[in-house]
Amino acid sequence: MNAIILYTKRQGQATSYEFNVFDNQFATENLAVRKVLMSMLESVRDRLTDLEVEYNDSMLAEKLGAKRAGETLRFLGATRENSKEHLSNGIVVSRSFQAPMTPERYAYFYELTDIAQLSHYRLKEGDEDRIVFYFTRYLQLIAPDEQASQSFLQKLAEFSLPYKLVPIS
């Protein structure tokens, strides 16, 4: 297996690790991609407090089926009270919500068989993003310190997932 490419960038004390889906040429349900997400999750597991999800109703229903899409959104914490509509020319193009991270919700993301099941999500520590998946473009870890960075890289090694770090400015 070729090494996956991770673009790195320092952000103050934090380090961003970006897995660009196009550059790595893996399907979002590929085991290597899932292992990247699992490694990211494990490296900041104890810090995650909240999640934010943005989705398009019809795309999610097409991917999961209408019933399962609704069940998934409710499970992740979507309610009428915390959902926001995002409009373009008066038409709802997507919805988003924020909810607390729970052990069950963490397990949902850890066990995802396709990291693109949801179009856009952010797993947060308070107001700070820790893991971001953005519309099948990239999966990003913002490791807040050296310990989280080392944990992430160690987990990749434990998964026997070769990687190449490419610094960007």
N, C-alpha and C. Protein backbone atom coordinates (compact mmCIF):
# COMPACT_ATOMS: atom_id res chain seq x y z
N MET A 1 0.84 -1.17 0.00
CA MET A 1 0.00 0.00 0.00
C MET A 1 0.89 1.24 0.00
N ASN A 2 0.54 2.19 -0.82
CA ASN A 2 1.24 3.47 -0.81
C ASN A 2 0.89 4.23 0.45
N ALA A 3 1.79 5.09 0.85
CA ALA A 3 1.55 5.90 2.05
C ALA A 3 0.44 6.91 1.77
N ILE A 4 -0.41 7.13 2.76
CA ILE A 4 -1.41 8.19 2.64
C ILE A 4 -0.69 9.53 2.86
N ILE A 5 -1.20 10.54 2.25
CA ILE A 5 -0.62 11.88 2.39
C ILE A 5 -1.45 12.66 3.39
N LEU A 6 -0.76 13.24 4.36
CA LEU A 6 -1.39 14.12 5.34
C LEU A 6 -0.71 15.47 5.26
N TYR A 7 -1.47 16.50 4.95
CA TYR A 7 -0.93 17.86 4.91
C TYR A 7 -0.94 18.41 6.33
N THR A 8 0.18 18.95 6.77
CA THR A 8 0.28 19.46 8.14
C THR A 8 0.51 20.96 8.13
N LYS A 9 -0.02 21.59 9.16
CA LYS A 9 0.16 23.03 9.32
C LYS A 9 0.06 23.35 10.80
N ARG A 10 0.99 24.15 11.28
CA ARG A 10 0.95 24.61 12.68
C ARG A 10 -0.08 25.72 12.80
N GLN A 11 -0.85 25.67 13.87
CA GLN A 11 -1.84 26.70 14.18
C GLN A 11 -1.66 27.06 15.64
N GLY A 12 -0.68 27.91 15.93
CA GLY A 12 -0.34 28.22 17.32
C GLY A 12 0.26 26.99 17.96
N GLN A 13 -0.31 26.54 19.08
CA GLN A 13 0.15 25.32 19.75
C GLN A 13 -0.39 24.05 19.06
N ALA A 14 -1.39 24.21 18.23
CA ALA A 14 -2.04 23.07 17.58
C ALA A 14 -1.37 22.73 16.25
N THR A 15 -1.63 21.51 15.80
CA THR A 15 -1.17 21.07 14.48
C THR A 15 -2.38 20.52 13.74
N SER A 16 -2.56 20.98 12.51
CA SER A 16 -3.62 20.49 11.65
C SER A 16 -3.07 19.37 10.77
N TYR A 17 -3.80 18.27 10.71
CA TYR A 17 -3.48 17.16 9.82
C TYR A 17 -4.67 17.02 8.88
N GLU A 18 -4.42 17.24 7.60
CA GLU A 18 -5.51 17.18 6.63
C GLU A 18 -5.33 16.01 5.67
N PHE A 19 -6.34 15.16 5.63
CA PHE A 19 -6.40 14.06 4.68
C PHE A 19 -7.28 14.52 3.54
N ASN A 20 -6.67 14.84 2.40
CA ASN A 20 -7.40 15.31 1.23
C ASN A 20 -7.91 14.09 0.46
N VAL A 21 -9.20 13.96 0.33
CA VAL A 21 -9.81 12.77 -0.29
C VAL A 21 -9.36 12.63 -1.74
N PHE A 22 -9.30 13.73 -2.50
CA PHE A 22 -8.92 13.67 -3.91
C PHE A 22 -7.46 13.26 -4.09
N ASP A 23 -6.58 13.85 -3.30
CA ASP A 23 -5.16 13.55 -3.42
C ASP A 23 -4.84 12.10 -3.07
N ASN A 24 -5.56 11.55 -2.12
CA ASN A 24 -5.28 10.18 -1.69
C ASN A 24 -5.99 9.13 -2.52
N GLN A 25 -6.96 9.52 -3.30
CA GLN A 25 -7.65 8.65 -4.26
C GLN A 25 -8.19 7.36 -3.65
N PHE A 26 -8.78 7.47 -2.47
CA PHE A 26 -9.48 6.35 -1.84
C PHE A 26 -10.95 6.71 -1.78
N ALA A 27 -11.81 5.72 -1.90
CA ALA A 27 -13.23 5.93 -1.68
C ALA A 27 -13.44 6.21 -0.19
N THR A 28 -14.47 6.97 0.13
CA THR A 28 -14.70 7.36 1.53
C THR A 28 -15.09 6.17 2.41
N GLU A 29 -15.43 5.02 1.80
CA GLU A 29 -15.73 3.84 2.60
C GLU A 29 -14.55 2.87 2.66
N ASN A 30 -13.41 3.25 2.09
CA ASN A 30 -12.20 2.43 2.12
C ASN A 30 -11.72 2.27 3.56
N LEU A 31 -11.23 1.08 3.89
CA LEU A 31 -10.77 0.81 5.25
C LEU A 31 -9.63 1.75 5.67
N ALA A 32 -8.75 2.11 4.76
CA ALA A 32 -7.65 3.03 5.09
C ALA A 32 -8.20 4.38 5.53
N VAL A 33 -9.21 4.87 4.84
CA VAL A 33 -9.82 6.16 5.19
C VAL A 33 -10.52 6.06 6.53
N ARG A 34 -11.20 4.97 6.75
CA ARG A 34 -11.86 4.75 8.05
C ARG A 34 -10.84 4.71 9.18
N LYS A 35 -9.68 4.11 8.92
CA LYS A 35 -8.63 4.05 9.94
C LYS A 35 -8.07 5.44 10.24
N VAL A 36 -8.03 6.32 9.24
CA VAL A 36 -7.59 7.69 9.49
C VAL A 36 -8.56 8.36 10.45
N LEU A 37 -9.86 8.23 10.19
CA LEU A 37 -10.86 8.82 11.10
C LEU A 37 -10.77 8.20 12.48
N MET A 38 -10.64 6.90 12.56
CA MET A 38 -10.55 6.23 13.86
C MET A 38 -9.33 6.72 14.63
N SER A 39 -8.21 6.90 13.96
CA SER A 39 -7.00 7.41 14.61
C SER A 39 -7.19 8.83 15.10
N MET A 40 -7.85 9.65 14.29
CA MET A 40 -8.15 11.02 14.70
C MET A 40 -9.03 11.02 15.95
N LEU A 41 -10.07 10.22 15.92
CA LEU A 41 -10.99 10.15 17.04
C LEU A 41 -10.27 9.73 18.33
N GLU A 42 -9.45 8.71 18.23
CA GLU A 42 -8.76 8.22 19.43
C GLU A 42 -7.80 9.26 19.99
N SER A 43 -7.21 10.06 19.12
CA SER A 43 -6.20 11.02 19.59
C SER A 43 -6.80 12.18 20.39
N VAL A 44 -8.09 12.47 20.19
CA VAL A 44 -8.74 13.57 20.92
C VAL A 44 -10.00 13.12 21.66
N ARG A 45 -10.14 11.84 21.83
CA ARG A 45 -11.35 11.24 22.42
C ARG A 45 -11.81 11.94 23.69
N ASP A 46 -10.90 12.14 24.64
CA ASP A 46 -11.28 12.70 25.93
C ASP A 46 -11.57 14.20 25.88
N ARG A 47 -11.29 14.84 24.76
CA ARG A 47 -11.50 16.28 24.62
C ARG A 47 -12.84 16.62 23.96
N LEU A 48 -13.43 15.67 23.25
CA LEU A 48 -14.62 15.97 22.44
C LEU A 48 -15.83 16.21 23.34
N THR A 49 -16.46 17.38 23.17
CA THR A 49 -17.61 17.74 23.98
C THR A 49 -18.88 17.93 23.16
N ASP A 50 -18.73 18.30 21.89
CA ASP A 50 -19.89 18.65 21.06
C ASP A 50 -19.69 18.17 19.63
N LEU A 51 -20.79 18.08 18.92
CA LEU A 51 -20.73 17.79 17.49
C LEU A 51 -21.65 18.75 16.77
N GLU A 52 -21.28 19.03 15.54
CA GLU A 52 -22.10 19.87 14.66
C GLU A 52 -22.21 19.13 13.34
N VAL A 53 -23.42 19.00 12.84
CA VAL A 53 -23.67 18.26 11.61
C VAL A 53 -24.43 19.15 10.64
N GLU A 54 -24.00 19.18 9.39
CA GLU A 54 -24.73 19.85 8.32
C GLU A 54 -25.07 18.79 7.28
N TYR A 55 -26.28 18.81 6.79
CA TYR A 55 -26.73 17.78 5.85
C TYR A 55 -27.77 18.36 4.91
N ASN A 56 -27.95 17.67 3.79
CA ASN A 56 -29.00 17.97 2.83
C ASN A 56 -30.02 16.84 2.96
N ASP A 57 -31.28 17.20 3.19
CA ASP A 57 -32.32 16.20 3.43
C ASP A 57 -32.37 15.13 2.34
N SER A 58 -32.46 15.56 1.09
CA SER A 58 -32.65 14.59 0.01
C SER A 58 -31.40 13.73 -0.21
N MET A 59 -30.21 14.32 -0.06
CA MET A 59 -28.99 13.53 -0.23
C MET A 59 -28.86 12.48 0.88
N LEU A 60 -29.19 12.86 2.10
CA LEU A 60 -29.10 11.91 3.21
C LEU A 60 -30.16 10.81 3.06
N ALA A 61 -31.36 11.18 2.66
CA ALA A 61 -32.41 10.19 2.46
C ALA A 61 -32.06 9.24 1.32
N GLU A 62 -31.43 9.76 0.28
CA GLU A 62 -31.01 8.92 -0.84
C GLU A 62 -29.93 7.92 -0.39
N LYS A 63 -29.03 8.38 0.46
CA LYS A 63 -27.93 7.54 0.92
C LYS A 63 -28.38 6.50 1.93
N LEU A 64 -29.26 6.89 2.87
CA LEU A 64 -29.63 6.00 3.98
C LEU A 64 -31.06 5.48 3.91
N GLY A 65 -31.88 6.11 3.08
CA GLY A 65 -33.31 5.83 3.13
C GLY A 65 -33.94 6.81 4.10
N ALA A 66 -35.17 7.23 3.85
CA ALA A 66 -35.80 8.29 4.63
C ALA A 66 -35.93 7.92 6.11
N LYS A 67 -36.37 6.71 6.40
CA LYS A 67 -36.57 6.31 7.79
C LYS A 67 -35.24 6.28 8.55
N ARG A 68 -34.24 5.64 7.97
CA ARG A 68 -32.94 5.54 8.64
C ARG A 68 -32.27 6.90 8.77
N ALA A 69 -32.46 7.77 7.77
CA ALA A 69 -31.89 9.12 7.85
C ALA A 69 -32.47 9.86 9.05
N GLY A 70 -33.78 9.79 9.22
CA GLY A 70 -34.43 10.44 10.35
C GLY A 70 -33.95 9.87 11.68
N GLU A 71 -33.85 8.55 11.75
CA GLU A 71 -33.38 7.89 12.98
C GLU A 71 -31.95 8.32 13.31
N THR A 72 -31.11 8.39 12.29
CA THR A 72 -29.71 8.78 12.49
C THR A 72 -29.61 10.21 13.00
N LEU A 73 -30.36 11.11 12.40
CA LEU A 73 -30.32 12.50 12.83
C LEU A 73 -30.82 12.65 14.26
N ARG A 74 -31.90 11.96 14.60
CA ARG A 74 -32.40 12.03 15.98
C ARG A 74 -31.38 11.44 16.95
N PHE A 75 -30.76 10.32 16.57
CA PHE A 75 -29.75 9.69 17.42
C PHE A 75 -28.58 10.65 17.67
N LEU A 76 -28.20 11.40 16.64
CA LEU A 76 -27.08 12.34 16.78
C LEU A 76 -27.47 13.63 17.50
N GLY A 77 -28.76 13.79 17.79
CA GLY A 77 -29.18 14.92 18.61
C GLY A 77 -29.96 16.01 17.89
N ALA A 78 -30.34 15.79 16.64
CA ALA A 78 -31.12 16.80 15.92
C ALA A 78 -32.52 16.90 16.50
N THR A 79 -32.96 18.12 16.76
CA THR A 79 -34.33 18.38 17.20
C THR A 79 -34.84 19.58 16.42
N ARG A 80 -36.12 19.81 16.49
CA ARG A 80 -36.68 21.02 15.84
C ARG A 80 -36.07 22.28 16.47
N GLU A 81 -35.82 22.22 17.77
CA GLU A 81 -35.32 23.40 18.49
C GLU A 81 -33.87 23.74 18.14
N ASN A 82 -33.03 22.74 17.87
CA ASN A 82 -31.62 23.05 17.62
C ASN A 82 -31.24 23.01 16.14
N SER A 83 -32.19 22.77 15.26
CA SER A 83 -31.89 22.72 13.82
C SER A 83 -32.01 24.10 13.19
N LYS A 84 -31.07 24.39 12.29
CA LYS A 84 -31.08 25.64 11.54
C LYS A 84 -31.17 25.32 10.06
N GLU A 85 -31.94 26.12 9.34
CA GLU A 85 -32.03 25.97 7.89
C GLU A 85 -31.05 26.92 7.22
N HIS A 86 -30.40 26.44 6.17
CA HIS A 86 -29.50 27.28 5.38
C HIS A 86 -30.15 27.44 4.01
N LEU A 87 -30.43 28.70 3.66
CA LEU A 87 -31.19 29.01 2.45
C LEU A 87 -30.32 29.57 1.34
N SER A 88 -30.74 29.32 0.12
CA SER A 88 -30.17 29.95 -1.06
C SER A 88 -31.35 30.35 -1.95
N ASN A 89 -31.51 31.63 -2.18
CA ASN A 89 -32.64 32.15 -2.95
C ASN A 89 -33.98 31.65 -2.40
N GLY A 90 -34.08 31.63 -1.07
CA GLY A 90 -35.33 31.24 -0.43
C GLY A 90 -35.59 29.75 -0.37
N ILE A 91 -34.65 28.94 -0.83
CA ILE A 91 -34.82 27.48 -0.84
C ILE A 91 -33.86 26.88 0.18
N VAL A 92 -34.36 25.94 0.97
CA VAL A 92 -33.51 25.25 1.95
C VAL A 92 -32.54 24.34 1.20
N VAL A 93 -31.25 24.63 1.33
CA VAL A 93 -30.24 23.80 0.68
C VAL A 93 -29.59 22.82 1.66
N SER A 94 -29.61 23.17 2.94
CA SER A 94 -29.09 22.26 3.95
C SER A 94 -29.63 22.67 5.32
N ARG A 95 -29.43 21.78 6.27
CA ARG A 95 -29.80 22.04 7.66
C ARG A 95 -28.59 21.67 8.51
N SER A 96 -28.52 22.26 9.69
CA SER A 96 -27.45 21.91 10.61
C SER A 96 -27.98 21.93 12.04
N PHE A 97 -27.24 21.26 12.91
CA PHE A 97 -27.57 21.26 14.33
C PHE A 97 -26.30 21.00 15.12
N GLN A 98 -26.34 21.39 16.37
CA GLN A 98 -25.27 21.09 17.32
C GLN A 98 -25.87 20.30 18.46
N ALA A 99 -25.08 19.37 19.00
CA ALA A 99 -25.53 18.55 20.12
C ALA A 99 -24.32 18.12 20.94
N PRO A 100 -24.55 17.76 22.18
CA PRO A 100 -23.43 17.27 23.01
C PRO A 100 -22.89 15.94 22.46
N MET A 101 -21.60 15.75 22.61
CA MET A 101 -20.98 14.47 22.26
C MET A 101 -21.23 13.52 23.42
N THR A 102 -21.74 12.35 23.11
CA THR A 102 -21.96 11.31 24.12
C THR A 102 -21.12 10.09 23.72
N PRO A 103 -20.94 9.14 24.63
CA PRO A 103 -20.21 7.92 24.24
C PRO A 103 -20.87 7.20 23.07
N GLU A 104 -22.19 7.21 23.00
CA GLU A 104 -22.91 6.55 21.90
C GLU A 104 -22.67 7.27 20.58
N ARG A 105 -22.65 8.58 20.62
CA ARG A 105 -22.39 9.35 19.40
C ARG A 105 -20.93 9.20 18.96
N TYR A 106 -20.02 9.15 19.92
CA TYR A 106 -18.62 8.89 19.60
C TYR A 106 -18.52 7.54 18.88
N ALA A 107 -19.17 6.52 19.42
CA ALA A 107 -19.14 5.18 18.82
C ALA A 107 -19.71 5.21 17.40
N TYR A 108 -20.74 6.01 17.17
CA TYR A 108 -21.31 6.14 15.82
C TYR A 108 -20.22 6.56 14.83
N PHE A 109 -19.47 7.61 15.17
CA PHE A 109 -18.43 8.09 14.26
C PHE A 109 -17.29 7.09 14.16
N TYR A 110 -16.93 6.46 15.27
CA TYR A 110 -15.83 5.50 15.26
C TYR A 110 -16.16 4.29 14.39
N GLU A 111 -17.43 3.92 14.35
CA GLU A 111 -17.85 2.73 13.61
C GLU A 111 -18.39 3.03 12.21
N LEU A 112 -18.29 4.27 11.76
CA LEU A 112 -18.77 4.61 10.41
C LEU A 112 -18.11 3.73 9.36
N THR A 113 -18.90 3.17 8.49
CA THR A 113 -18.33 2.38 7.40
C THR A 113 -18.06 3.24 6.16
N ASP A 114 -18.65 4.43 6.14
CA ASP A 114 -18.39 5.41 5.07
C ASP A 114 -18.30 6.77 5.76
N ILE A 115 -17.11 7.36 5.77
CA ILE A 115 -16.94 8.62 6.50
C ILE A 115 -17.75 9.75 5.90
N ALA A 116 -18.28 9.55 4.67
CA ALA A 116 -19.09 10.58 4.01
C ALA A 116 -20.58 10.31 4.17
N GLN A 117 -20.95 9.48 5.13
CA GLN A 117 -22.39 9.23 5.35
C GLN A 117 -23.11 10.55 5.62
N LEU A 118 -22.46 11.43 6.36
CA LEU A 118 -22.96 12.79 6.59
C LEU A 118 -22.07 13.73 5.78
N SER A 119 -22.67 14.72 5.15
CA SER A 119 -21.93 15.60 4.24
C SER A 119 -20.85 16.43 4.92
N HIS A 120 -21.18 16.95 6.10
CA HIS A 120 -20.26 17.89 6.77
C HIS A 120 -20.47 17.75 8.27
N TYR A 121 -19.39 17.45 8.97
CA TYR A 121 -19.51 17.39 10.42
C TYR A 121 -18.24 17.92 11.08
N ARG A 122 -18.45 18.41 12.28
CA ARG A 122 -17.37 18.94 13.13
C ARG A 122 -17.53 18.33 14.51
N LEU A 123 -16.46 17.73 14.98
CA LEU A 123 -16.44 17.23 16.35
C LEU A 123 -15.57 18.21 17.11
N LYS A 124 -16.11 18.74 18.21
CA LYS A 124 -15.53 19.91 18.84
C LYS A 124 -15.14 19.69 20.30
N GLU A 125 -14.22 20.52 20.73
CA GLU A 125 -13.89 20.67 22.14
C GLU A 125 -14.34 22.08 22.50
N GLY A 126 -15.51 22.18 23.10
CA GLY A 126 -16.08 23.51 23.33
C GLY A 126 -16.35 24.17 21.98
N ASP A 127 -15.76 25.37 21.78
CA ASP A 127 -15.93 26.07 20.51
C ASP A 127 -14.86 25.73 19.49
N GLU A 128 -13.87 24.94 19.88
CA GLU A 128 -12.74 24.62 19.01
C GLU A 128 -12.98 23.34 18.22
N ASP A 129 -12.79 23.42 16.90
CA ASP A 129 -12.87 22.23 16.06
C ASP A 129 -11.72 21.30 16.39
N ARG A 130 -12.01 20.01 16.45
CA ARG A 130 -10.95 19.01 16.63
C ARG A 130 -10.91 18.09 15.42
N ILE A 131 -12.08 17.68 14.90
CA ILE A 131 -12.14 16.85 13.70
C ILE A 131 -13.20 17.46 12.78
N VAL A 132 -12.83 17.64 11.52
CA VAL A 132 -13.76 18.22 10.55
C VAL A 132 -13.78 17.35 9.30
N PHE A 133 -14.97 16.98 8.85
CA PHE A 133 -15.14 16.34 7.55
C PHE A 133 -15.94 17.32 6.72
N TYR A 134 -15.42 17.66 5.54
CA TYR A 134 -16.05 18.69 4.73
C TYR A 134 -16.37 18.18 3.33
N PHE A 135 -17.63 17.85 3.11
CA PHE A 135 -18.21 17.54 1.81
C PHE A 135 -17.30 16.70 0.89
N THR A 136 -16.83 15.60 1.37
CA THR A 136 -16.00 14.65 0.62
C THR A 136 -14.73 15.29 0.07
N ARG A 137 -14.36 16.45 0.57
CA ARG A 137 -13.10 17.07 0.14
C ARG A 137 -11.97 16.70 1.06
N TYR A 138 -12.20 16.85 2.37
CA TYR A 138 -11.12 16.54 3.29
C TYR A 138 -11.64 16.12 4.65
N LEU A 139 -10.76 15.42 5.36
CA LEU A 139 -10.95 15.04 6.74
C LEU A 139 -9.77 15.64 7.49
N GLN A 140 -10.04 16.40 8.54
CA GLN A 140 -9.00 17.16 9.22
C GLN A 140 -9.03 16.91 10.72
N LEU A 141 -7.84 16.77 11.28
CA LEU A 141 -7.67 16.73 12.73
C LEU A 141 -6.93 18.00 13.12
N ILE A 142 -7.43 18.70 14.12
CA ILE A 142 -6.69 19.81 14.71
C ILE A 142 -6.26 19.31 16.09
N ALA A 143 -5.03 18.82 16.13
CA ALA A 143 -4.48 18.27 17.38
C ALA A 143 -4.03 19.44 18.23
N PRO A 144 -4.60 19.60 19.43
CA PRO A 144 -4.34 20.80 20.22
C PRO A 144 -2.94 20.86 20.83
N ASP A 145 -2.26 19.71 20.92
CA ASP A 145 -0.95 19.72 21.55
C ASP A 145 -0.12 18.55 21.02
N GLU A 146 1.12 18.47 21.48
CA GLU A 146 2.04 17.43 21.02
C GLU A 146 1.55 16.04 21.40
N GLN A 147 0.93 15.91 22.55
CA GLN A 147 0.42 14.61 22.99
C GLN A 147 -0.63 14.07 22.02
N ALA A 148 -1.56 14.93 21.61
CA ALA A 148 -2.61 14.51 20.67
C ALA A 148 -1.99 14.17 19.31
N SER A 149 -1.00 14.96 18.89
CA SER A 149 -0.31 14.69 17.61
C SER A 149 0.36 13.32 17.65
N GLN A 150 1.10 13.07 18.72
CA GLN A 150 1.81 11.79 18.84
C GLN A 150 0.83 10.62 18.93
N SER A 151 -0.27 10.82 19.62
CA SER A 151 -1.29 9.79 19.74
C SER A 151 -1.87 9.45 18.36
N PHE A 152 -2.13 10.46 17.56
CA PHE A 152 -2.67 10.26 16.22
C PHE A 152 -1.69 9.46 15.35
N LEU A 153 -0.44 9.88 15.32
CA LEU A 153 0.55 9.21 14.49
C LEU A 153 0.82 7.79 14.99
N GLN A 154 0.81 7.60 16.29
CA GLN A 154 1.00 6.27 16.87
C GLN A 154 -0.15 5.35 16.48
N LYS A 155 -1.37 5.87 16.51
CA LYS A 155 -2.53 5.05 16.15
C LYS A 155 -2.47 4.65 14.68
N LEU A 156 -2.04 5.57 13.81
CA LEU A 156 -1.87 5.21 12.39
C LEU A 156 -0.88 4.05 12.26
N ALA A 157 0.22 4.12 13.00
CA ALA A 157 1.23 3.06 12.97
C ALA A 157 0.64 1.74 13.49
N GLU A 158 -0.15 1.81 14.58
CA GLU A 158 -0.78 0.61 15.12
C GLU A 158 -1.73 -0.03 14.11
N PHE A 159 -2.36 0.79 13.28
CA PHE A 159 -3.25 0.28 12.23
C PHE A 159 -2.47 -0.15 10.99
N SER A 160 -1.13 -0.11 11.06
CA SER A 160 -0.27 -0.45 9.92
C SER A 160 -0.63 0.38 8.69
N LEU A 161 -0.87 1.65 8.92
CA LEU A 161 -1.24 2.57 7.86
C LEU A 161 -0.06 3.51 7.59
N PRO A 162 0.71 3.25 6.53
CA PRO A 162 1.84 4.11 6.24
C PRO A 162 1.36 5.53 5.84
N TYR A 163 2.12 6.53 6.25
CA TYR A 163 1.72 7.91 5.97
C TYR A 163 2.94 8.74 5.63
N LYS A 164 2.67 9.82 4.93
CA LYS A 164 3.70 10.81 4.59
C LYS A 164 3.16 12.15 5.02
N LEU A 165 3.93 12.87 5.84
CA LEU A 165 3.53 14.20 6.29
C LEU A 165 4.09 15.24 5.33
N VAL A 166 3.23 16.10 4.82
CA VAL A 166 3.63 17.15 3.88
C VAL A 166 3.29 18.50 4.51
N PRO A 167 4.30 19.21 5.02
CA PRO A 167 4.03 20.53 5.63
C PRO A 167 3.56 21.55 4.57
N ILE A 168 2.58 22.36 4.94
CA ILE A 168 2.14 23.46 4.09
C ILE A 168 2.20 24.74 4.89
N SER A 169 2.34 25.85 4.20
CA SER A 169 2.42 27.12 4.94
C SER A 169 1.21 27.98 4.69
